[in-house]
Each structure stands twice: as structure tokens, then as C-alpha cells.
Amino acid sequence: MNNLKELDTLLIRQLSAKLTQRVKKATVLLVDDDSITRELIAHQLSHCFEVDQAYSGLEAIEYCNVYKPDIVLLDVEMPGIDGLEVCRKIRTSLSTHAVPVVFITAHTGIEAENACWDAGGSDFVTKPINTQTLIRRLQSHLSSKFSNEMLEDLAFRDGLTGVYNKRYFNEVMPSLLSFSQRSNTEMALIMIDVDNFKHYNDRYGHLAGDRCLQEVSKVVTHCLKRPTDIVARFGGEEFVCIMPNTNKMSALAMCQHILTGVEHMANGPDKTLKEKVTVSIGLALNHQFDQYPAGEELLNTADANLYQAKSMGKNRVVL
């Protein structure tokens, strides 16, 4: 019993240390049109976090479309797009909807507070800013965010490759399809299967096979870099990828990029693979159907195209 308690204590300490390090390395997006105020706050926060700056609401939205900050510190009153509208935009984006937003406001009172909550804010601080209070609140929100992410990783991450698992794919697929239909945007679904994997496993052993899958997953995740792209291990040597806002040409180019990247793995500097490895890819697009497809229909189409790619000689993509 004592040994189990000691192990639990050790694990808690390790998780706590990991959480502390993640908070220290967190990226805060600071948004304020007043350059003097912005630089002052950035300097005060730089001792505890990585700080990126935006001088307007529009720049903040453009930043979030490309990058994914860990938390946003946002001035309410700005010319053009104010902080409340920026927060609403953040909340409706697939990649940033869960990012904490802390408002900076010069106003106090119920009306000002409710405006922050109604816009989707996580918290707010009032001017003049107490630096220690601001830092503690940011740390608190970041700790909660990262703790939830660590728990989600345990439930939704594949233990071998580190990419998402089939359970996560099944959770998010309906929402992504629904979003694509509402916004009338194109979406690509990619199914990837490692060619001749059974032969590789039988010849070199399961440890080598595991290493092969890890390397393939690294190539795929390196290719799909956008925050909205999703890579999941579907089972065995099969992976599935979802690419929102992706047309036919971009999807085909990405598939070719994956094929080339996997082919070149055997020539990597660490020589971890025993021989050359290739993959076959089945691609399906939601706009290739007369009506918006259900998730199962899109998945079955990608799977059928994958089977055809295998039948045609492997190491290719079929749409």
C-alpha cells in the first residue's frame, strides 16, 4: 500500500511539474491599440510567459487564423473592431473556440461586466491593472486549460504515435461536417494505409513495426500543419485525416506531399527504418456529392478509394 501511495505521489509531482513548465512556456496574445500600454503590459508579462502582440482587432483575428495562442489578453475599447467582437470571432473559430479570453476594461459595473461575459470572455481585469493579479489570473486559466488538455490526451490520443485516436475522430467528425455545411466550405477526408505492413512486421518484429508507424505519423502531422487539420490513427496501420476548408487541388497536393515524405523516411539521418516504406491514400471531398454527405458516407468513399489505390499498385492516391 505504501508503495502505491508513493507511486501516486510521484506521478502527481511529475504531472504538476509538467503543468508548471507548460504554463511558463504559454503564449499570450496581447491586443491593445495603445502602443505605450501594450508595451508596458508586455514587459510585465514577459517574465512569466511568451508574449505576442497585436495592435488592432483585425490583426488579432488574422493572428488567430494562422497561429493558436494559449490565451488572449484583449482590450475592450479599440477603434474599428472592438475587443468584444474579436472575442466573438475567436469563439466561432474551430481552432480557437476553447482559447481563454481575458478582457482589459476601463469600465466597472454590471453592464460592462455582462458585456464581457456575453461576448464569450473567460475573465476580465480593470484599469489600472494590478500586475500580480493579472499574472495570477492568466496562470489560473492556463493551468485549467492545460489540465483539461492533459486529460483529453489520455482519452483521445493514440498511445503509440501521439496522434488522435479513432474515438476522437468519431467525436469531432459530425461537428466538422456540420460546420462545413453551414459555412458552405469544402472539406477533405484522407485515409492512409501503410503498404505491406504485415510483411514489415513479420520480417523485422513488432518493435520495428511500431517504430515504422511512429515515423509515418510524424510525416503526416508535419504535412498537415494547420490548427484545424486533424490526424488520427484509425486502427492498425491505418490513419485518417480531416482537412477543413480544403479544395480538390490543395487536397491532392497534400496527399502527394505525404507520399513523397513517407518514401524519403528510409533516407532519414537516424536510419530508424529497416527498408523503404510507402503508403496508399484514399481521398474523398464533401463537394463531390450531390448532397452534403454524412460522415459514414464520406468515410466509406475514402475507404473505397484507398482500396482502389492498393489494387492499382500501391504508393499512390485515388480520388
C-alpha atoms as a PDB file:
ATOM      1  CA  MET A   1       0.000   0.000   0.000  1.00  0.00           C
ATOM      2  CA  ASN A   2       2.777   2.428   0.905  1.00  0.00           C
ATOM      3  CA  ASN A   3       4.488   1.716  -2.408  1.00  0.00           C
ATOM      4  CA  LEU A   4       1.278   2.562  -4.276  1.00  0.00           C
ATOM      5  CA  LYS A   5       0.899   5.801  -2.331  1.00  0.00           C
ATOM      6  CA  GLU A   6       4.492   6.720  -3.077  1.00  0.00           C
ATOM      7  CA  LEU A   7       3.921   5.999  -6.765  1.00  0.00           C
ATOM      8  CA  ASP A   8       0.772   8.145  -6.785  1.00  0.00           C
ATOM      9  CA  THR A   9       2.667  10.971  -5.103  1.00  0.00           C
ATOM     10  CA  LEU A  10       5.478  10.702  -7.631  1.00  0.00           C
ATOM     11  CA  LEU A  11       3.065  10.765 -10.573  1.00  0.00           C
ATOM     12  CA  ILE A  12       1.244  13.792  -9.158  1.00  0.00           C
ATOM     13  CA  ARG A  13       4.547  15.622  -8.736  1.00  0.00           C
ATOM     14  CA  GLN A  14       5.564  14.778 -12.293  1.00  0.00           C
ATOM     15  CA  LEU A  15       2.247  15.991 -13.708  1.00  0.00           C
ATOM     16  CA  SER A  16       2.417  19.136 -11.589  1.00  0.00           C
ATOM     17  CA  ALA A  17       5.950  19.875 -12.806  1.00  0.00           C
ATOM     18  CA  LYS A  18       4.881  19.294 -16.403  1.00  0.00           C
ATOM     19  CA  LEU A  19       1.913  21.613 -15.947  1.00  0.00           C
ATOM     20  CA  THR A  20       4.108  24.332 -14.423  1.00  0.00           C
ATOM     21  CA  GLN A  21       6.502  24.147 -17.378  1.00  0.00           C
ATOM     22  CA  ARG A  22       3.658  24.377 -19.893  1.00  0.00           C
ATOM     23  CA  VAL A  23       2.295  27.484 -18.172  1.00  0.00           C
ATOM     24  CA  LYS A  24       5.739  29.122 -18.245  1.00  0.00           C
ATOM     25  CA  LYS A  25       6.056  28.423 -21.969  1.00  0.00           C
ATOM     26  CA  ALA A  26       2.500  29.537 -22.754  1.00  0.00           C
ATOM     27  CA  THR A  27       1.908  32.102 -25.495  1.00  0.00           C
ATOM     28  CA  VAL A  28      -0.170  35.125 -24.526  1.00  0.00           C
ATOM     29  CA  LEU A  29      -1.611  37.195 -27.375  1.00  0.00           C
ATOM     30  CA  LEU A  30      -1.833  40.768 -26.078  1.00  0.00           C
ATOM     31  CA  VAL A  31      -4.198  43.001 -28.062  1.00  0.00           C
ATOM     32  CA  ASP A  32      -4.303  46.758 -27.438  1.00  0.00           C
ATOM     33  CA  ASP A  33      -4.304  49.713 -29.837  1.00  0.00           C
ATOM     34  CA  ASP A  34      -2.394  51.895 -27.337  1.00  0.00           C
ATOM     35  CA  SER A  35       1.271  51.120 -28.032  1.00  0.00           C
ATOM     36  CA  ILE A  36       2.529  52.522 -24.716  1.00  0.00           C
ATOM     37  CA  THR A  37       0.079  50.479 -22.646  1.00  0.00           C
ATOM     38  CA  ARG A  38       0.692  47.412 -24.784  1.00  0.00           C
ATOM     39  CA  GLU A  39       4.475  47.580 -24.444  1.00  0.00           C
ATOM     40  CA  LEU A  40       4.232  48.154 -20.685  1.00  0.00           C
ATOM     41  CA  ILE A  41       1.962  45.147 -20.140  1.00  0.00           C
ATOM     42  CA  ALA A  42       4.075  43.010 -22.481  1.00  0.00           C
ATOM     43  CA  HIS A  43       7.186  43.843 -20.484  1.00  0.00           C
ATOM     44  CA  GLN A  44       5.476  42.961 -17.200  1.00  0.00           C
ATOM     45  CA  LEU A  45       4.235  39.624 -18.558  1.00  0.00           C
ATOM     46  CA  SER A  46       7.441  38.672 -20.370  1.00  0.00           C
ATOM     47  CA  HIS A  47       8.987  37.380 -17.138  1.00  0.00           C
ATOM     48  CA  CYS A  48       6.268  34.714 -16.880  1.00  0.00           C
ATOM     49  CA  PHE A  49       5.072  33.963 -20.437  1.00  0.00           C
ATOM     50  CA  GLU A  50       5.866  34.198 -24.116  1.00  0.00           C
ATOM     51  CA  VAL A  51       4.080  37.344 -25.312  1.00  0.00           C
ATOM     52  CA  ASP A  52       2.967  38.147 -28.863  1.00  0.00           C
ATOM     53  CA  GLN A  53       1.324  41.483 -29.636  1.00  0.00           C
ATOM     54  CA  ALA A  54      -1.425  42.771 -31.909  1.00  0.00           C
ATOM     55  CA  TYR A  55      -2.265  46.454 -32.290  1.00  0.00           C
ATOM     56  CA  SER A  56      -5.843  46.071 -33.562  1.00  0.00           C
ATOM     57  CA  GLY A  57      -8.813  43.763 -33.532  1.00  0.00           C
ATOM     58  CA  LEU A  58      -8.280  42.887 -37.188  1.00  0.00           C
ATOM     59  CA  GLU A  59      -4.634  41.952 -36.603  1.00  0.00           C
ATOM     60  CA  ALA A  60      -5.689  39.792 -33.639  1.00  0.00           C
ATOM     61  CA  ILE A  61      -8.208  37.888 -35.788  1.00  0.00           C
ATOM     62  CA  GLU A  62      -5.626  37.397 -38.552  1.00  0.00           C
ATOM     63  CA  TYR A  63      -3.098  36.153 -35.976  1.00  0.00           C
ATOM     64  CA  CYS A  64      -5.570  33.621 -34.583  1.00  0.00           C
ATOM     65  CA  ASN A  65      -6.362  32.365 -38.088  1.00  0.00           C
ATOM     66  CA  VAL A  66      -2.703  31.397 -38.558  1.00  0.00           C
ATOM     67  CA  TYR A  67      -1.494  30.645 -35.040  1.00  0.00           C
ATOM     68  CA  LYS A  68      -3.221  29.362 -31.929  1.00  0.00           C
ATOM     69  CA  PRO A  69      -2.323  31.355 -28.809  1.00  0.00           C
ATOM     70  CA  ASP A  70      -2.720  29.653 -25.463  1.00  0.00           C
ATOM     71  CA  ILE A  71      -4.627  32.628 -24.064  1.00  0.00           C
ATOM     72  CA  VAL A  72      -5.736  36.061 -25.317  1.00  0.00           C
ATOM     73  CA  LEU A  73      -5.481  39.279 -23.299  1.00  0.00           C
ATOM     74  CA  LEU A  74      -7.789  41.721 -25.028  1.00  0.00           C
ATOM     75  CA  ASP A  75      -8.575  45.406 -24.576  1.00  0.00           C
ATOM     76  CA  VAL A  76     -12.315  46.040 -24.852  1.00  0.00           C
ATOM     77  CA  GLU A  77     -12.217  49.523 -26.378  1.00  0.00           C
ATOM     78  CA  MET A  78     -10.397  49.673 -29.713  1.00  0.00           C
ATOM     79  CA  PRO A  79     -11.189  51.535 -32.947  1.00  0.00           C
ATOM     80  CA  GLY A  80     -12.682  49.517 -35.783  1.00  0.00           C
ATOM     81  CA  ILE A  81     -13.266  46.001 -34.472  1.00  0.00           C
ATOM     82  CA  ASP A  82     -13.517  46.250 -30.694  1.00  0.00           C
ATOM     83  CA  GLY A  83     -12.464  43.601 -28.206  1.00  0.00           C
ATOM     84  CA  LEU A  84     -15.969  42.217 -27.721  1.00  0.00           C
ATOM     85  CA  GLU A  85     -16.321  41.493 -31.445  1.00  0.00           C
ATOM     86  CA  VAL A  86     -12.841  39.948 -31.576  1.00  0.00           C
ATOM     87  CA  CYS A  87     -13.842  37.587 -28.776  1.00  0.00           C
ATOM     88  CA  ARG A  88     -16.993  36.566 -30.654  1.00  0.00           C
ATOM     89  CA  LYS A  89     -14.869  35.779 -33.723  1.00  0.00           C
ATOM     90  CA  ILE A  90     -12.487  33.700 -31.613  1.00  0.00           C
ATOM     91  CA  ARG A  91     -15.397  31.757 -30.139  1.00  0.00           C
ATOM     92  CA  THR A  92     -16.816  30.860 -33.581  1.00  0.00           C
ATOM     93  CA  SER A  93     -13.498  29.587 -34.998  1.00  0.00           C
ATOM     94  CA  LEU A  94     -12.846  25.841 -34.982  1.00  0.00           C
ATOM     95  CA  SER A  95      -9.227  26.265 -33.960  1.00  0.00           C
ATOM     96  CA  THR A  96      -9.643  28.868 -31.187  1.00  0.00           C
ATOM     97  CA  HIS A  97     -13.135  28.404 -29.753  1.00  0.00           C
ATOM     98  CA  ALA A  98     -11.720  26.963 -26.498  1.00  0.00           C
ATOM     99  CA  VAL A  99      -8.908  29.509 -26.044  1.00  0.00           C
ATOM    100  CA  PRO A 100      -9.387  31.549 -22.832  1.00  0.00           C
ATOM    101  CA  VAL A 101     -10.011  35.269 -23.393  1.00  0.00           C
ATOM    102  CA  VAL A 102      -9.303  37.766 -20.613  1.00  0.00           C
ATOM    103  CA  PHE A 103     -10.588  41.300 -21.192  1.00  0.00           C
ATOM    104  CA  ILE A 104      -8.929  44.541 -20.125  1.00  0.00           C
ATOM    105  CA  THR A 105     -11.561  47.179 -19.439  1.00  0.00           C
ATOM    106  CA  ALA A 106     -11.616  50.702 -18.053  1.00  0.00           C
ATOM    107  CA  HIS A 107     -15.264  50.382 -17.059  1.00  0.00           C
ATOM    108  CA  THR A 108     -16.758  48.866 -13.945  1.00  0.00           C
ATOM    109  CA  GLY A 109     -20.322  47.976 -13.164  1.00  0.00           C
ATOM    110  CA  ILE A 110     -22.815  45.286 -14.048  1.00  0.00           C
ATOM    111  CA  GLU A 111     -23.392  46.407 -17.644  1.00  0.00           C
ATOM    112  CA  ALA A 112     -19.680  46.386 -18.522  1.00  0.00           C
ATOM    113  CA  GLU A 113     -19.149  43.030 -16.828  1.00  0.00           C
ATOM    114  CA  ASN A 114     -22.128  41.419 -18.557  1.00  0.00           C
ATOM    115  CA  ALA A 115     -20.900  42.670 -21.936  1.00  0.00           C
ATOM    116  CA  CYS A 116     -17.648  40.752 -21.385  1.00  0.00           C
ATOM    117  CA  TRP A 117     -19.455  37.578 -20.345  1.00  0.00           C
ATOM    118  CA  ASP A 118     -21.974  37.795 -23.193  1.00  0.00           C
ATOM    119  CA  ALA A 119     -19.164  38.119 -25.748  1.00  0.00           C
ATOM    120  CA  GLY A 120     -17.674  34.845 -24.515  1.00  0.00           C
ATOM    121  CA  GLY A 121     -14.997  36.179 -22.195  1.00  0.00           C
ATOM    122  CA  SER A 122     -13.354  33.925 -19.638  1.00  0.00           C
ATOM    123  CA  ASP A 123     -12.421  36.727 -17.240  1.00  0.00           C
ATOM    124  CA  PHE A 124     -11.636  40.441 -17.095  1.00  0.00           C
ATOM    125  CA  VAL A 125      -9.347  42.859 -15.277  1.00  0.00           C
ATOM    126  CA  THR A 126      -9.984  46.550 -14.776  1.00  0.00           C
ATOM    127  CA  LYS A 127      -7.669  49.505 -15.284  1.00  0.00           C
ATOM    128  CA  PRO A 128      -5.421  50.495 -13.626  1.00  0.00           C
ATOM    129  CA  ILE A 129      -4.097  46.952 -13.829  1.00  0.00           C
ATOM    130  CA  ASN A 130      -2.656  45.189 -10.803  1.00  0.00           C
ATOM    131  CA  THR A 131       0.163  43.237 -12.457  1.00  0.00           C
ATOM    132  CA  GLN A 132       0.253  40.462  -9.871  1.00  0.00           C
ATOM    133  CA  THR A 133      -3.499  39.951 -10.108  1.00  0.00           C
ATOM    134  CA  LEU A 134      -3.297  39.809 -13.900  1.00  0.00           C
ATOM    135  CA  ILE A 135      -0.452  37.278 -13.852  1.00  0.00           C
ATOM    136  CA  ARG A 136      -2.217  35.072 -11.297  1.00  0.00           C
ATOM    137  CA  ARG A 137      -5.439  35.090 -13.316  1.00  0.00           C
ATOM    138  CA  LEU A 138      -3.638  34.226 -16.526  1.00  0.00           C
ATOM    139  CA  GLN A 139      -1.783  31.417 -14.758  1.00  0.00           C
ATOM    140  CA  SER A 140      -5.041  30.103 -13.301  1.00  0.00           C
ATOM    141  CA  HIS A 141      -6.798  29.983 -16.681  1.00  0.00           C
ATOM    142  CA  LEU A 142      -3.766  28.428 -18.342  1.00  0.00           C
ATOM    143  CA  SER A 143      -3.464  25.773 -15.637  1.00  0.00           C
ATOM    144  CA  SER A 144      -7.119  24.826 -16.108  1.00  0.00           C
ATOM    145  CA  LYS A 145      -6.733  24.774 -19.884  1.00  0.00           C
ATOM    146  CA  PHE A 146      -3.605  22.620 -19.868  1.00  0.00           C
ATOM    147  CA  SER A 147      -5.005  20.275 -17.199  1.00  0.00           C
ATOM    148  CA  ASN A 148      -8.058  19.651 -19.369  1.00  0.00           C
ATOM    149  CA  GLU A 149      -5.842  19.088 -22.401  1.00  0.00           C
ATOM    150  CA  MET A 150      -3.740  16.555 -20.493  1.00  0.00           C
ATOM    151  CA  LEU A 151      -6.904  14.664 -19.506  1.00  0.00           C
ATOM    152  CA  GLU A 152      -8.155  14.801 -23.094  1.00  0.00           C
ATOM    153  CA  ASP A 153      -4.817  13.449 -24.293  1.00  0.00           C
ATOM    154  CA  LEU A 154      -5.300  10.404 -22.084  1.00  0.00           C
ATOM    155  CA  ALA A 155      -8.755   9.813 -23.575  1.00  0.00           C
ATOM    156  CA  PHE A 156      -8.276  10.910 -27.180  1.00  0.00           C
ATOM    157  CA  ARG A 157      -4.604  10.305 -28.039  1.00  0.00           C
ATOM    158  CA  ASP A 158      -3.121   7.142 -29.502  1.00  0.00           C
ATOM    159  CA  GLY A 159      -0.570   5.814 -27.037  1.00  0.00           C
ATOM    160  CA  LEU A 160       1.909   4.675 -29.696  1.00  0.00           C
ATOM    161  CA  THR A 161       2.004   7.540 -32.187  1.00  0.00           C
ATOM    162  CA  GLY A 162       0.726  10.503 -30.173  1.00  0.00           C
ATOM    163  CA  VAL A 163      -1.844  11.482 -32.828  1.00  0.00           C
ATOM    164  CA  TYR A 164      -5.564  11.428 -32.096  1.00  0.00           C
ATOM    165  CA  ASN A 165      -7.331   8.075 -31.850  1.00  0.00           C
ATOM    166  CA  LYS A 166     -10.444   6.703 -33.541  1.00  0.00           C
ATOM    167  CA  ARG A 167     -12.602   7.719 -30.596  1.00  0.00           C
ATOM    168  CA  TYR A 168     -11.655  11.364 -31.065  1.00  0.00           C
ATOM    169  CA  PHE A 169     -12.229  11.137 -34.817  1.00  0.00           C
ATOM    170  CA  ASN A 170     -15.726   9.788 -34.231  1.00  0.00           C
ATOM    171  CA  GLU A 171     -16.399  12.611 -31.749  1.00  0.00           C
ATOM    172  CA  VAL A 172     -15.372  15.513 -33.999  1.00  0.00           C
ATOM    173  CA  MET A 173     -16.333  14.259 -37.465  1.00  0.00           C
ATOM    174  CA  PRO A 174     -20.075  15.123 -37.218  1.00  0.00           C
ATOM    175  CA  SER A 175     -19.326  18.625 -35.900  1.00  0.00           C
ATOM    176  CA  LEU A 176     -16.794  19.341 -38.639  1.00  0.00           C
ATOM    177  CA  LEU A 177     -19.172  18.146 -41.352  1.00  0.00           C
ATOM    178  CA  SER A 178     -21.974  20.240 -39.889  1.00  0.00           C
ATOM    179  CA  PHE A 179     -19.741  23.317 -39.753  1.00  0.00           C
ATOM    180  CA  SER A 180     -18.667  22.737 -43.361  1.00  0.00           C
ATOM    181  CA  GLN A 181     -22.284  22.513 -44.467  1.00  0.00           C
ATOM    182  CA  ARG A 182     -23.361  25.654 -42.594  1.00  0.00           C
ATOM    183  CA  SER A 183     -20.445  27.675 -43.949  1.00  0.00           C
ATOM    184  CA  ASN A 184     -20.663  26.076 -47.425  1.00  0.00           C
ATOM    185  CA  THR A 185     -16.952  25.274 -47.391  1.00  0.00           C
ATOM    186  CA  GLU A 186     -15.066  22.351 -48.856  1.00  0.00           C
ATOM    187  CA  MET A 187     -13.638  19.615 -46.656  1.00  0.00           C
ATOM    188  CA  ALA A 188     -11.285  16.745 -47.477  1.00  0.00           C
ATOM    189  CA  LEU A 189     -11.063  13.336 -45.811  1.00  0.00           C
ATOM    190  CA  ILE A 190      -7.866  11.338 -46.305  1.00  0.00           C
ATOM    191  CA  MET A 191      -7.398   7.658 -45.453  1.00  0.00           C
ATOM    192  CA  ILE A 192      -3.810   6.398 -45.332  1.00  0.00           C
ATOM    193  CA  ASP A 193      -2.628   2.798 -45.104  1.00  0.00           C
ATOM    194  CA  VAL A 194       0.985   1.629 -44.786  1.00  0.00           C
ATOM    195  CA  ASP A 195       1.787  -0.667 -47.708  1.00  0.00           C
ATOM    196  CA  ASN A 196       2.926  -4.234 -46.972  1.00  0.00           C
ATOM    197  CA  PHE A 197       2.942  -3.559 -43.241  1.00  0.00           C
ATOM    198  CA  LYS A 198       2.297  -7.191 -42.288  1.00  0.00           C
ATOM    199  CA  HIS A 199       5.396  -8.217 -44.239  1.00  0.00           C
ATOM    200  CA  TYR A 200       7.401  -5.476 -42.465  1.00  0.00           C
ATOM    201  CA  ASN A 201       6.129  -6.604 -39.060  1.00  0.00           C
ATOM    202  CA  ASP A 202       6.764 -10.290 -39.738  1.00  0.00           C
ATOM    203  CA  ARG A 203      10.246  -9.673 -41.086  1.00  0.00           C
ATOM    204  CA  TYR A 204      11.585  -7.170 -38.559  1.00  0.00           C
ATOM    205  CA  GLY A 205       9.396  -7.690 -35.489  1.00  0.00           C
ATOM    206  CA  HIS A 206       6.702  -5.709 -33.709  1.00  0.00           C
ATOM    207  CA  LEU A 207       9.070  -3.167 -32.168  1.00  0.00           C
ATOM    208  CA  ALA A 208      10.328  -2.223 -35.633  1.00  0.00           C
ATOM    209  CA  GLY A 209       6.726  -2.138 -36.829  1.00  0.00           C
ATOM    210  CA  ASP A 210       5.790   0.238 -34.024  1.00  0.00           C
ATOM    211  CA  ARG A 211       8.711   2.480 -34.931  1.00  0.00           C
ATOM    212  CA  CYS A 212       7.561   2.471 -38.544  1.00  0.00           C
ATOM    213  CA  LEU A 213       4.071   3.649 -37.547  1.00  0.00           C
ATOM    214  CA  GLN A 214       5.571   6.377 -35.363  1.00  0.00           C
ATOM    215  CA  GLU A 215       7.666   7.656 -38.267  1.00  0.00           C
ATOM    216  CA  VAL A 216       4.714   7.623 -40.669  1.00  0.00           C
ATOM    217  CA  SER A 217       2.611   9.576 -38.169  1.00  0.00           C
ATOM    218  CA  LYS A 218       5.392  12.168 -37.840  1.00  0.00           C
ATOM    219  CA  VAL A 219       5.456  12.689 -41.600  1.00  0.00           C
ATOM    220  CA  VAL A 220       1.685  13.082 -41.803  1.00  0.00           C
ATOM    221  CA  THR A 221       1.471  15.525 -38.884  1.00  0.00           C
ATOM    222  CA  HIS A 222       4.381  17.504 -40.330  1.00  0.00           C
ATOM    223  CA  CYS A 223       2.489  17.839 -43.611  1.00  0.00           C
ATOM    224  CA  LEU A 224      -0.841  18.827 -42.031  1.00  0.00           C
ATOM    225  CA  LYS A 225       0.284  21.866 -40.069  1.00  0.00           C
ATOM    226  CA  ARG A 226      -2.867  23.990 -39.887  1.00  0.00           C
ATOM    227  CA  PRO A 227      -4.514  24.197 -36.453  1.00  0.00           C
ATOM    228  CA  THR A 228      -7.809  22.947 -37.914  1.00  0.00           C
ATOM    229  CA  ASP A 229      -6.294  19.854 -39.581  1.00  0.00           C
ATOM    230  CA  ILE A 230      -6.810  16.590 -37.694  1.00  0.00           C
ATOM    231  CA  VAL A 231      -4.703  13.432 -37.891  1.00  0.00           C
ATOM    232  CA  ALA A 232      -5.927  10.260 -36.183  1.00  0.00           C
ATOM    233  CA  ARG A 233      -4.833   6.658 -36.055  1.00  0.00           C
ATOM    234  CA  PHE A 234      -7.864   4.748 -37.255  1.00  0.00           C
ATOM    235  CA  GLY A 235      -6.579   1.321 -36.325  1.00  0.00           C
ATOM    236  CA  GLY A 236      -3.604  -0.914 -37.030  1.00  0.00           C
ATOM    237  CA  GLU A 237      -1.510   0.659 -39.791  1.00  0.00           C
ATOM    238  CA  GLU A 238      -4.299   2.980 -40.952  1.00  0.00           C
ATOM    239  CA  PHE A 239      -4.573   6.732 -40.402  1.00  0.00           C
ATOM    240  CA  VAL A 240      -7.358   9.171 -41.218  1.00  0.00           C
ATOM    241  CA  CYS A 241      -7.058  12.929 -41.708  1.00  0.00           C
ATOM    242  CA  ILE A 242      -9.671  15.688 -41.826  1.00  0.00           C
ATOM    243  CA  MET A 243      -8.818  18.922 -43.640  1.00  0.00           C
ATOM    244  CA  PRO A 244     -11.491  21.657 -43.344  1.00  0.00           C
ATOM    245  CA  ASN A 245     -11.532  24.498 -45.899  1.00  0.00           C
ATOM    246  CA  THR A 246      -9.591  22.419 -48.427  1.00  0.00           C
ATOM    247  CA  ASN A 247     -10.405  22.170 -52.142  1.00  0.00           C
ATOM    248  CA  LYS A 248      -9.587  19.379 -54.578  1.00  0.00           C
ATOM    249  CA  MET A 249      -6.261  20.769 -55.801  1.00  0.00           C
ATOM    250  CA  SER A 250      -4.978  21.522 -52.307  1.00  0.00           C
ATOM    251  CA  ALA A 251      -6.040  18.097 -51.034  1.00  0.00           C
ATOM    252  CA  LEU A 252      -4.344  16.267 -53.915  1.00  0.00           C
ATOM    253  CA  ALA A 253      -1.179  18.324 -53.410  1.00  0.00           C
ATOM    254  CA  MET A 254      -1.181  17.449 -49.702  1.00  0.00           C
ATOM    255  CA  CYS A 255      -1.620  13.746 -50.470  1.00  0.00           C
ATOM    256  CA  GLN A 256       1.327  13.864 -52.854  1.00  0.00           C
ATOM    257  CA  HIS A 257       3.357  15.643 -50.191  1.00  0.00           C
ATOM    258  CA  ILE A 258       2.588  12.800 -47.763  1.00  0.00           C
ATOM    259  CA  LEU A 259       3.507  10.125 -50.330  1.00  0.00           C
ATOM    260  CA  THR A 260       6.853  11.799 -51.001  1.00  0.00           C
ATOM    261  CA  GLY A 261       7.580  12.375 -47.321  1.00  0.00           C
ATOM    262  CA  VAL A 262       6.962   8.744 -46.395  1.00  0.00           C
ATOM    263  CA  GLU A 263       9.091   7.500 -49.296  1.00  0.00           C
ATOM    264  CA  HIS A 264      12.003   9.589 -48.046  1.00  0.00           C
ATOM    265  CA  MET A 265      11.770   8.303 -44.446  1.00  0.00           C
ATOM    266  CA  ALA A 266      14.230   5.464 -45.074  1.00  0.00           C
ATOM    267  CA  ASN A 267      16.853   8.041 -46.052  1.00  0.00           C
ATOM    268  CA  GLY A 268      16.496   9.952 -42.785  1.00  0.00           C
ATOM    269  CA  PRO A 269      19.585  10.831 -40.730  1.00  0.00           C
ATOM    270  CA  ASP A 270      18.803   8.384 -37.900  1.00  0.00           C
ATOM    271  CA  LYS A 271      18.145   5.407 -40.237  1.00  0.00           C
ATOM    272  CA  THR A 272      15.417   4.073 -37.956  1.00  0.00           C
ATOM    273  CA  LEU A 273      13.610   2.169 -40.719  1.00  0.00           C
ATOM    274  CA  LYS A 274      14.818  -1.221 -41.917  1.00  0.00           C
ATOM    275  CA  GLU A 275      13.742  -0.678 -45.520  1.00  0.00           C
ATOM    276  CA  LYS A 276      11.817   1.720 -47.754  1.00  0.00           C
ATOM    277  CA  VAL A 277       8.195   2.229 -46.711  1.00  0.00           C
ATOM    278  CA  THR A 278       5.301   3.559 -48.802  1.00  0.00           C
ATOM    279  CA  VAL A 279       1.645   4.351 -48.182  1.00  0.00           C
ATOM    280  CA  SER A 280      -1.542   4.293 -50.229  1.00  0.00           C
ATOM    281  CA  ILE A 281      -4.118   7.062 -49.896  1.00  0.00           C
ATOM    282  CA  GLY A 282      -7.858   7.259 -50.483  1.00  0.00           C
ATOM    283  CA  LEU A 283      -9.253  10.794 -50.782  1.00  0.00           C
ATOM    284  CA  ALA A 284     -12.860  11.985 -50.525  1.00  0.00           C
ATOM    285  CA  LEU A 285     -14.286  15.522 -50.743  1.00  0.00           C
ATOM    286  CA  ASN A 286     -17.633  16.627 -49.375  1.00  0.00           C
ATOM    287  CA  HIS A 287     -18.352  18.714 -52.502  1.00  0.00           C
ATOM    288  CA  GLN A 288     -18.052  15.705 -54.828  1.00  0.00           C
ATOM    289  CA  PHE A 289     -21.502  14.548 -53.678  1.00  0.00           C
ATOM    290  CA  ASP A 290     -24.828  15.897 -54.973  1.00  0.00           C
ATOM    291  CA  GLN A 291     -25.883  16.492 -51.370  1.00  0.00           C
ATOM    292  CA  TYR A 292     -23.767  17.012 -48.278  1.00  0.00           C
ATOM    293  CA  PRO A 293     -22.661  13.532 -47.195  1.00  0.00           C
ATOM    294  CA  ALA A 294     -22.985  12.003 -43.766  1.00  0.00           C
ATOM    295  CA  GLY A 295     -19.738  11.112 -42.037  1.00  0.00           C
ATOM    296  CA  GLU A 296     -20.153   7.412 -42.788  1.00  0.00           C
ATOM    297  CA  GLU A 297     -20.701   8.099 -46.492  1.00  0.00           C
ATOM    298  CA  LEU A 298     -17.603  10.276 -46.752  1.00  0.00           C
ATOM    299  CA  LEU A 299     -15.559   7.724 -44.830  1.00  0.00           C
ATOM    300  CA  ASN A 300     -16.783   4.833 -46.992  1.00  0.00           C
ATOM    301  CA  THR A 301     -15.868   6.752 -50.144  1.00  0.00           C
ATOM    302  CA  ALA A 302     -12.347   7.428 -48.886  1.00  0.00           C
ATOM    303  CA  ASP A 303     -12.037   3.774 -47.863  1.00  0.00           C
ATOM    304  CA  ALA A 304     -13.163   2.573 -51.307  1.00  0.00           C
ATOM    305  CA  ASN A 305     -10.645   4.901 -52.954  1.00  0.00           C
ATOM    306  CA  LEU A 306      -7.947   3.556 -50.632  1.00  0.00           C
ATOM    307  CA  TYR A 307      -8.808   0.003 -51.701  1.00  0.00           C
ATOM    308  CA  GLN A 308      -8.544   1.087 -55.337  1.00  0.00           C
ATOM    309  CA  ALA A 309      -5.137   2.684 -54.691  1.00  0.00           C
ATOM    310  CA  LYS A 310      -3.955  -0.622 -53.239  1.00  0.00           C
ATOM    311  CA  SER A 311      -5.332  -2.547 -56.227  1.00  0.00           C
ATOM    312  CA  MET A 312      -3.607  -0.233 -58.712  1.00  0.00           C
ATOM    313  CA  GLY A 313      -0.142  -0.964 -57.316  1.00  0.00           C
ATOM    314  CA  LYS A 314       0.037   0.986 -54.016  1.00  0.00           C
ATOM    315  CA  ASN A 315       2.114   4.103 -53.240  1.00  0.00           C
ATOM    316  CA  ARG A 316      -0.465   6.391 -54.849  1.00  0.00           C
ATOM    317  CA  VAL A 317      -3.559   8.491 -54.164  1.00  0.00           C
ATOM    318  CA  VAL A 318      -7.006   7.869 -55.631  1.00  0.00           C
ATOM    319  CA  LEU A 319      -9.885  10.367 -55.601  1.00  0.00           C
END
